[in-house]
Amino acid sequence: MTNTIAPFGFKPIRRFDGAAWTGNFTQCKMQNTAGALNRGDGVVALADGTVAVAAPAAGHVFRGIFIGCHFLSAVMGYPIWTNYWPGAGAVGLVDAFVIDDPNVVFEVQASAGPITLADVGATADVVVAASTTGFSKWSLGVPGASATVPFRILGPSNNGVFIGDGYDVTSANNIVEVMPNEWFLTKGIGI
């Protein structure tokens, strides 16, 4: 069965050490003029200590995965909690919620592929696509791009067992499990 091309960004599913992902995140600050972000998009740390949407590029160190934000609306005059940052409209800094634990395992759809067991341990960058739904449309790039890209492939999701659309490991655009490779907290650098 051919997998439907329907990228959904990076979705946390568990921890690498076998524990369940508990929903933990770090609250970071973001400028109120930062680019739009959707739940499941990657963010990078900037020199001023804030975060902003990431871009695919070797050596571009991710701060983590954006899962939501809190800000004071300039138009409505009251606080907003949302999984989407429209890119403007806040008074002051935005509180961005970021999954930055280097032991979290994510599910993501491959942009090409298929990604198979032969790709376990390979690294991959992201393929960025715009979204207006509040949910990411990012996917995983081609394996083996560089040692300094943000993700390491753990293998096909669901251990390669076909359970429905997206899990066919013989077709392109299958769903895979990845974990951080070159991330802010895996590099041993400070803010």
Protein backbone atom coordinates (compact mmCIF):
# COMPACT_ATOMS: atom_id res chain seq x y z
CA MET A 1 0.00 0.00 0.00
CA THR A 2 1.39 3.40 -0.93
CA ASN A 3 1.76 5.77 2.03
CA THR A 4 -0.23 9.00 1.85
CA ILE A 5 1.92 12.11 1.87
CA ALA A 6 0.63 13.91 4.96
CA PRO A 7 3.51 15.29 7.05
CA PHE A 8 2.63 16.13 10.65
CA GLY A 9 5.89 17.45 12.06
CA PHE A 10 7.62 15.92 15.05
CA LYS A 11 5.33 14.15 17.52
CA PRO A 12 6.80 12.97 20.87
CA ILE A 13 5.94 9.33 21.55
CA ARG A 14 8.28 8.08 24.31
CA ARG A 15 11.72 8.41 25.85
CA PHE A 16 14.76 6.52 24.59
CA ASP A 17 15.36 5.03 28.06
CA GLY A 18 12.00 3.21 27.85
CA ALA A 19 10.01 5.58 30.03
CA ALA A 20 6.86 7.26 28.80
CA TRP A 21 7.09 10.88 27.64
CA THR A 22 5.41 12.81 30.44
CA GLY A 23 4.63 15.98 28.53
CA ASN A 24 7.58 17.85 29.96
CA PHE A 25 8.79 20.96 28.15
CA THR A 26 10.93 24.02 28.73
CA GLN A 27 9.46 27.51 28.69
CA CYS A 28 11.59 29.72 26.44
CA LYS A 29 11.13 33.33 25.39
CA MET A 30 10.43 34.36 21.82
CA GLN A 31 10.34 37.84 20.25
CA ASN A 32 6.84 38.99 19.29
CA THR A 33 8.09 39.46 15.73
CA ALA A 34 9.44 35.91 15.36
CA GLY A 35 8.24 33.89 12.38
CA ALA A 36 5.10 31.76 12.54
CA LEU A 37 5.36 28.41 14.33
CA ASN A 38 3.13 25.35 14.41
CA ARG A 39 2.99 22.51 16.93
CA GLY A 40 5.73 20.08 15.85
CA ASP A 41 8.06 22.62 14.18
CA GLY A 42 11.70 22.96 15.22
CA VAL A 43 13.15 26.03 16.91
CA VAL A 44 16.69 27.35 17.36
CA ALA A 45 18.24 29.46 20.10
CA LEU A 46 19.23 32.97 19.05
CA ALA A 47 22.10 35.10 20.37
CA ASP A 48 19.71 37.25 22.45
CA GLY A 49 18.51 34.16 24.38
CA THR A 50 15.18 33.86 22.60
CA VAL A 51 14.04 31.15 20.18
CA ALA A 52 12.76 31.31 16.60
CA VAL A 53 11.69 28.93 13.87
CA ALA A 54 14.53 26.71 12.62
CA ALA A 55 15.67 26.24 9.04
CA PRO A 56 17.20 23.15 7.44
CA ALA A 57 20.98 23.42 7.30
CA ALA A 58 23.89 21.36 8.53
CA GLY A 59 25.25 22.83 11.74
CA HIS A 60 21.96 24.58 12.56
CA VAL A 61 21.56 23.50 16.20
CA PHE A 62 17.95 22.93 17.24
CA ARG A 63 16.80 24.16 20.65
CA GLY A 64 13.89 21.73 20.46
CA ILE A 65 10.38 21.15 19.10
CA PHE A 66 7.71 23.82 19.54
CA ILE A 67 4.48 22.56 21.16
CA GLY A 68 2.67 25.78 22.00
CA CYS A 69 2.87 29.27 23.45
CA HIS A 70 1.34 31.84 25.75
CA PHE A 71 1.18 35.57 25.02
CA LEU A 72 -0.72 38.74 25.77
CA SER A 73 -2.79 39.59 22.70
CA ALA A 74 -2.27 43.14 21.48
CA VAL A 75 -5.70 43.13 19.82
CA MET A 76 -7.85 41.39 22.44
CA GLY A 77 -6.01 42.58 25.54
CA TYR A 78 -6.00 39.24 27.34
CA PRO A 79 -3.68 36.19 27.51
CA ILE A 80 -3.86 33.55 24.78
CA TRP A 81 -2.71 29.91 25.11
CA THR A 82 -2.32 28.18 21.75
CA ASN A 83 -0.39 25.51 19.84
CA TYR A 84 0.28 27.99 17.03
CA TRP A 85 2.24 31.23 16.91
CA PRO A 86 1.00 33.44 14.03
CA GLY A 87 4.26 35.44 13.90
CA ALA A 88 2.94 38.69 15.36
CA GLY A 89 0.24 40.16 17.58
CA ALA A 90 1.68 39.96 21.09
CA VAL A 91 2.54 42.61 23.63
CA GLY A 92 6.11 41.96 24.82
CA LEU A 93 7.86 38.60 24.67
CA VAL A 94 6.05 35.34 23.93
CA ASP A 95 6.36 32.29 26.21
CA ALA A 96 7.25 29.43 23.83
CA PHE A 97 6.93 25.85 25.09
CA VAL A 98 9.68 23.65 23.68
CA ILE A 99 10.46 19.93 24.02
CA ASP A 100 14.23 19.97 24.43
CA ASP A 101 14.90 16.71 26.28
CA PRO A 102 17.60 14.89 24.25
CA ASN A 103 16.08 11.52 25.24
CA VAL A 104 12.65 12.08 23.69
CA VAL A 105 11.81 9.90 20.68
CA PHE A 106 9.65 11.48 17.97
CA GLU A 107 7.54 10.09 15.15
CA VAL A 108 7.82 11.91 11.82
CA GLN A 109 6.94 11.17 8.20
CA ALA A 110 9.80 10.72 5.75
CA SER A 111 9.84 13.19 2.85
CA ALA A 112 11.13 10.49 0.50
CA GLY A 113 12.27 6.98 1.26
CA PRO A 114 11.32 4.49 2.22
CA ILE A 115 13.40 4.63 5.37
CA THR A 116 14.16 1.05 6.39
CA LEU A 117 16.15 -0.85 9.01
CA ALA A 118 19.24 -0.23 6.86
CA ASP A 119 18.94 3.47 7.79
CA VAL A 120 19.06 2.91 11.58
CA GLY A 121 21.72 5.18 13.04
CA ALA A 122 21.85 7.49 10.02
CA THR A 123 21.28 11.20 10.48
CA ALA A 124 18.77 13.37 8.65
CA ASP A 125 17.78 17.00 8.33
CA VAL A 126 14.25 18.38 8.12
CA VAL A 127 12.13 19.36 5.15
CA VAL A 128 10.17 22.49 5.99
CA ALA A 129 6.68 23.14 4.65
CA ALA A 130 4.41 26.01 5.64
CA SER A 131 1.16 25.36 7.47
CA THR A 132 -1.81 27.49 8.46
CA THR A 133 -3.61 24.81 10.48
CA GLY A 134 -1.67 25.19 13.73
CA PHE A 135 -0.03 21.81 13.17
CA SER A 136 3.34 21.29 11.53
CA LYS A 137 3.80 20.04 7.98
CA TRP A 138 7.51 19.35 8.47
CA SER A 139 8.96 15.97 7.48
CA LEU A 140 12.29 14.14 7.69
CA GLY A 141 14.84 14.60 4.93
CA VAL A 142 17.00 12.00 3.19
CA PRO A 143 19.15 9.90 5.57
CA GLY A 144 22.91 10.35 5.74
CA ALA A 145 23.02 14.07 4.95
CA SER A 146 25.66 15.07 7.52
CA ALA A 147 26.80 14.37 11.06
CA THR A 148 25.70 17.86 12.10
CA VAL A 149 22.00 17.65 11.26
CA PRO A 150 19.34 17.62 13.99
CA PHE A 151 18.02 14.04 13.97
CA ARG A 152 19.25 10.43 14.21
CA ILE A 153 17.05 7.67 12.78
CA LEU A 154 16.01 4.90 15.18
CA GLY A 155 14.05 2.96 12.54
CA PRO A 156 10.62 2.55 11.02
CA SER A 157 7.84 3.35 13.46
CA ASN A 158 5.92 0.47 15.00
CA ASN A 159 9.02 -1.73 14.44
CA GLY A 160 8.22 -1.88 10.73
CA VAL A 161 4.91 -3.70 11.29
CA PHE A 162 2.20 -2.47 8.93
CA ILE A 163 -0.75 -1.17 10.96
CA GLY A 164 -2.21 1.32 8.51
CA ASP A 165 -1.47 4.25 6.25
CA GLY A 166 2.04 5.61 6.74
CA TYR A 167 3.52 2.44 8.19
CA ASP A 168 4.35 0.61 4.93
CA VAL A 169 8.16 0.28 5.01
CA THR A 170 8.26 -0.77 1.36
CA SER A 171 6.85 2.56 0.15
CA ALA A 172 8.14 6.13 0.24
CA ASN A 173 6.94 8.57 2.91
CA ASN A 174 6.75 6.04 5.73
CA ILE A 175 6.57 7.10 9.37
CA VAL A 176 9.81 6.69 11.30
CA GLU A 177 11.18 7.18 14.81
CA VAL A 178 13.97 9.68 15.39
CA MET A 179 15.72 11.29 18.32
CA PRO A 180 17.90 14.39 18.72
CA ASN A 181 21.35 14.28 17.17
CA GLU A 182 22.75 17.82 17.09
CA TRP A 183 20.62 19.71 19.59
CA PHE A 184 21.23 22.49 22.08
CA LEU A 185 21.35 20.14 25.10
CA THR A 186 23.34 17.40 23.31
CA LYS A 187 26.17 19.77 22.35
CA GLY A 188 26.99 20.84 25.89
CA ILE A 189 26.66 24.55 25.13
CA GLY A 190 24.95 27.18 27.21
CA ILE A 191 22.44 29.86 26.32
